[in-house]
C-alpha atoms as a PDB file:
ATOM      1  CA  MET A   1       3.412   6.193  19.774  1.00  0.00           C
ATOM      2  CA  LYS A   2       6.720   4.615  18.838  1.00  0.00           C
ATOM      3  CA  ILE A   3       8.793   5.017  15.682  1.00  0.00           C
ATOM      4  CA  LEU A   4      10.695   2.005  14.398  1.00  0.00           C
ATOM      5  CA  ARG A   5      13.865   2.354  12.356  1.00  0.00           C
ATOM      6  CA  ARG A   6      14.582   0.257   9.273  1.00  0.00           C
ATOM      7  CA  GLN A   7      16.637  -2.447  10.981  1.00  0.00           C
ATOM      8  CA  GLU A   8      14.006  -3.003  13.656  1.00  0.00           C
ATOM      9  CA  VAL A   9      11.255  -3.144  11.002  1.00  0.00           C
ATOM     10  CA  SER A  10      13.287  -5.675   9.012  1.00  0.00           C
ATOM     11  CA  GLU A  11      13.768  -7.834  12.090  1.00  0.00           C
ATOM     12  CA  ARG A  12      10.098  -7.602  13.080  1.00  0.00           C
ATOM     13  CA  VAL A  13       8.687  -8.600   9.716  1.00  0.00           C
ATOM     14  CA  GLY A  14      11.500 -10.929   8.671  1.00  0.00           C
ATOM     15  CA  LEU A  15      12.273  -9.150   5.403  1.00  0.00           C
ATOM     16  CA  LYS A  16      15.504  -7.619   4.165  1.00  0.00           C
ATOM     17  CA  THR A  17      15.689  -3.943   3.194  1.00  0.00           C
ATOM     18  CA  THR A  18      15.496  -4.646  -0.535  1.00  0.00           C
ATOM     19  CA  ALA A  19      12.321  -6.687  -0.122  1.00  0.00           C
ATOM     20  CA  LEU A  20      10.784  -3.991   2.075  1.00  0.00           C
ATOM     21  CA  TYR A  21      11.382  -1.261  -0.477  1.00  0.00           C
ATOM     22  CA  GLU A  22      10.165  -3.441  -3.364  1.00  0.00           C
ATOM     23  CA  MET A  23       6.937  -4.033  -1.438  1.00  0.00           C
ATOM     24  CA  ILE A  24       6.659  -0.317  -0.629  1.00  0.00           C
ATOM     25  CA  ASN A  25       6.989   0.495  -4.342  1.00  0.00           C
ATOM     26  CA  ARG A  26       4.201  -1.981  -5.140  1.00  0.00           C
ATOM     27  CA  GLY A  27       2.010  -0.506  -2.397  1.00  0.00           C
ATOM     28  CA  GLU A  28       2.149  -3.704  -0.336  1.00  0.00           C
ATOM     29  CA  PHE A  29       3.947  -2.304   2.701  1.00  0.00           C
ATOM     30  CA  PRO A  30       3.535   0.949   4.667  1.00  0.00           C
ATOM     31  CA  ARG A  31       5.630   3.885   3.511  1.00  0.00           C
ATOM     32  CA  PRO A  32       8.214   5.186   5.973  1.00  0.00           C
ATOM     33  CA  MET A  33       8.214   8.775   7.135  1.00  0.00           C
ATOM     34  CA  LYS A  34      11.245  10.967   6.820  1.00  0.00           C
ATOM     35  CA  LEU A  35      12.826  11.677  10.205  1.00  0.00           C
ATOM     36  CA  SER A  36      15.801  13.670   8.975  1.00  0.00           C
ATOM     37  CA  GLU A  37      17.788  14.144   5.804  1.00  0.00           C
ATOM     38  CA  ARG A  38      19.172  10.606   5.987  1.00  0.00           C
ATOM     39  CA  ALA A  39      16.809   8.772   8.341  1.00  0.00           C
ATOM     40  CA  VAL A  40      13.381   7.224   7.958  1.00  0.00           C
ATOM     41  CA  GLY A  41      11.088   5.391  10.343  1.00  0.00           C
ATOM     42  CA  TRP A  42       7.737   3.658  10.532  1.00  0.00           C
ATOM     43  CA  LEU A  43       5.021   4.000  13.111  1.00  0.00           C
ATOM     44  CA  GLU A  44       4.949   0.863  15.199  1.00  0.00           C
ATOM     45  CA  SER A  45       1.164   0.775  14.815  1.00  0.00           C
ATOM     46  CA  ASP A  46       1.508   0.715  10.995  1.00  0.00           C
ATOM     47  CA  ILE A  47       3.864  -2.256  11.184  1.00  0.00           C
ATOM     48  CA  ASP A  48       1.631  -4.064  13.687  1.00  0.00           C
ATOM     49  CA  GLU A  49      -1.381  -3.519  11.398  1.00  0.00           C
ATOM     50  CA  TRP A  50       0.584  -4.845   8.410  1.00  0.00           C
ATOM     51  CA  ILE A  51       1.575  -7.966  10.355  1.00  0.00           C
ATOM     52  CA  GLN A  52      -2.061  -8.446  11.410  1.00  0.00           C
ATOM     53  CA  SER A  53      -3.177  -8.055   7.792  1.00  0.00           C
ATOM     54  CA  ARG A  54      -0.742 -10.809   6.762  1.00  0.00           C
ATOM     55  CA  ILE A  55      -2.198 -13.084   9.455  1.00  0.00           C
ATOM     56  CA  GLU A  56      -5.707 -12.290   8.229  1.00  0.00           C
ATOM     57  CA  HIS A  57      -4.655 -12.931   4.637  1.00  0.00           C
ATOM     58  CA  ARG A  58      -3.234 -16.295   5.682  1.00  0.00           C
ATOM     59  CA  ASP A  59      -6.491 -17.124   7.426  1.00  0.00           C
ATOM     60  CA  LEU A  60      -8.508 -16.034   4.411  1.00  0.00           C
ATOM     61  CA  THR A  61      -6.703 -18.543   2.230  1.00  0.00           C
ATOM     62  CA  ALA A  62      -8.657 -21.202   4.113  1.00  0.00           C
ATOM     63  CA  LEU A  63     -11.957 -19.788   2.896  1.00  0.00           C
ATOM     64  CA  GLU A  64     -14.127 -21.599   0.424  1.00  0.00           C
ATOM     65  CA  GLU A  65     -13.779 -20.625  -3.236  1.00  0.00           C
ATOM     66  CA  SER A  66     -16.966 -18.546  -3.186  1.00  0.00           C
ATOM     67  CA  ASP A  67     -15.647 -16.591  -0.219  1.00  0.00           C
ATOM     68  CA  GLN A  68     -12.347 -16.068  -2.048  1.00  0.00           C
ATOM     69  CA  ASN A  69     -14.214 -14.573  -4.991  1.00  0.00           C
ATOM     70  CA  LEU A  70     -16.198 -12.375  -2.624  1.00  0.00           C
ATOM     71  CA  TRP A  71     -13.014 -11.233  -0.880  1.00  0.00           C
ATOM     72  CA  THR A  72     -11.463 -10.297  -4.225  1.00  0.00           C
ATOM     73  CA  THR A  73     -14.528  -8.296  -5.251  1.00  0.00           C
ATOM     74  CA  VAL A  74     -14.803  -6.484  -1.933  1.00  0.00           C
ATOM     75  CA  ASN A  75     -11.060  -5.890  -1.677  1.00  0.00           C
ATOM     76  CA  ALA A  76     -10.980  -4.183  -5.083  1.00  0.00           C
ATOM     77  CA  ALA A  77     -13.886  -1.908  -4.193  1.00  0.00           C
ATOM     78  CA  LEU A  78     -12.571  -0.621  -0.862  1.00  0.00           C
ATOM     79  CA  ASP A  79      -9.767   1.613   0.344  1.00  0.00           C
ATOM     80  CA  SER A  80      -7.117   0.247   2.721  1.00  0.00           C
ATOM     81  CA  SER A  81      -8.890   1.232   5.946  1.00  0.00           C
ATOM     82  CA  GLN A  82     -12.090  -0.474   4.784  1.00  0.00           C
ATOM     83  CA  ARG A  83     -10.214  -3.597   3.601  1.00  0.00           C
ATOM     84  CA  LYS A  84      -9.206  -4.516   7.130  1.00  0.00           C
ATOM     85  CA  GLN A  85     -12.817  -4.369   8.316  1.00  0.00           C
ATOM     86  CA  ALA A  86     -14.005  -6.288   5.253  1.00  0.00           C
ATOM     87  CA  ASN A  87     -11.371  -8.973   5.822  1.00  0.00           C
ATOM     88  CA  GLN A  88     -12.504  -9.337   9.426  1.00  0.00           C
ATOM     89  CA  LEU A  89     -16.143  -9.579   8.352  1.00  0.00           C
ATOM     90  CA  LEU A  90     -15.377 -12.178   5.692  1.00  0.00           C
ATOM     91  CA  PHE A  91     -13.337 -14.226   8.135  1.00  0.00           C
ATOM     92  CA  GLU A  92     -16.243 -14.033  10.575  1.00  0.00           C
ATOM     93  CA  LEU A  93     -18.587 -15.158   7.794  1.00  0.00           C
ATOM     94  CA  HIS A  94     -16.406 -18.200   7.200  1.00  0.00           C
ATOM     95  CA  SER A  95     -16.375 -18.930  10.941  1.00  0.00           C
ATOM     96  CA  ILE A  96     -20.155 -18.664  11.048  1.00  0.00           C
ATOM     97  CA  ARG A  97     -20.528 -21.075   8.145  1.00  0.00           C
ATOM     98  CA  ARG A  98     -18.248 -23.564   9.884  1.00  0.00           C
ATOM     99  CA  ALA A  99     -20.169 -23.172  13.125  1.00  0.00           C
ATOM    100  CA  PHE A 100     -23.460 -23.784  11.319  1.00  0.00           C
ATOM    101  CA  ALA A 101     -22.082 -26.999   9.910  1.00  0.00           C
ATOM    102  CA  ALA A 102     -20.764 -28.110  13.306  1.00  0.00           C
ATOM    103  CA  TYR A 103     -23.904 -27.289  15.282  1.00  0.00           C
ATOM    104  CA  THR A 104     -26.765 -28.116  12.941  1.00  0.00           C
ATOM    105  CA  ASN A 105     -28.138 -30.711  15.360  1.00  0.00           C
ATOM    106  CA  ALA A 106     -27.578 -28.715  18.544  1.00  0.00           C
ATOM    107  CA  ASN A 107     -30.577 -27.503  20.535  1.00  0.00           C
ATOM    108  CA  SER A 108     -28.723 -24.865  22.541  1.00  0.00           C
ATOM    109  CA  GLY A 109     -29.980 -21.874  20.541  1.00  0.00           C
ATOM    110  CA  ILE A 110     -26.596 -21.247  18.936  1.00  0.00           C
ATOM    111  CA  GLU A 111     -28.189 -21.428  15.471  1.00  0.00           C
ATOM    112  CA  CYS A 112     -30.257 -18.368  16.319  1.00  0.00           C
ATOM    113  CA  GLN A 113     -27.176 -16.436  17.467  1.00  0.00           C
ATOM    114  CA  LEU A 114     -25.257 -17.442  14.364  1.00  0.00           C
ATOM    115  CA  ALA A 115     -28.185 -16.536  12.132  1.00  0.00           C
ATOM    116  CA  GLN A 116     -28.260 -13.068  13.674  1.00  0.00           C
ATOM    117  CA  ARG A 117     -24.518 -12.598  13.081  1.00  0.00           C
ATOM    118  CA  LEU A 118     -24.880 -13.828   9.507  1.00  0.00           C
ATOM    119  CA  LYS A 119     -27.787 -11.420   8.935  1.00  0.00           C
ATOM    120  CA  LYS A 120     -25.643  -8.503  10.118  1.00  0.00           C
ATOM    121  CA  LEU A 121     -22.932  -9.464   7.640  1.00  0.00           C
ATOM    122  CA  THR A 122     -25.474  -9.912   4.868  1.00  0.00           C
ATOM    123  CA  ASP A 123     -26.900  -6.472   5.622  1.00  0.00           C
ATOM    124  CA  LYS A 124     -23.423  -4.924   5.327  1.00  0.00           C
ATOM    125  CA  PHE A 125     -22.715  -6.580   1.970  1.00  0.00           C
ATOM    126  CA  PRO A 126     -26.180  -7.285   0.537  1.00  0.00           C
ATOM    127  CA  ASN A 127     -25.089  -7.885  -3.057  1.00  0.00           C
ATOM    128  CA  HIS A 128     -22.050 -10.000  -2.261  1.00  0.00           C
ATOM    129  CA  LEU A 129     -22.983 -12.577   0.351  1.00  0.00           C
ATOM    130  CA  GLU A 130     -25.461 -14.650  -1.579  1.00  0.00           C
ATOM    131  CA  ASP A 131     -24.542 -18.301  -2.117  1.00  0.00           C
END
């Protein structure tokens, strides 16, 4: 477990200190922990997760409008640890839909595999994944 100081966090995420603290105040960035009277630091894993969440958010912007509405609904209903899993599931749903479109004429059995994955997602969010 590694602790990152403010300058290293700023360099990693590409944001200046002011922007970091504005995002912290809005709840959009992990809070630092106090290391001493005048020093704070972040867990490296927290920063890595935040960066991953930004990548996932970028990827989610490519989703269809119905998926965007679903993401908004699910995101509002979950706590932060559940949001990451929900984002991954919704991204997978979008990937499945794309794969269905790409392989509709294939005879390799991939439709069956994709249908099973889609069913698992539908079972997890039964009231939200209906088209």
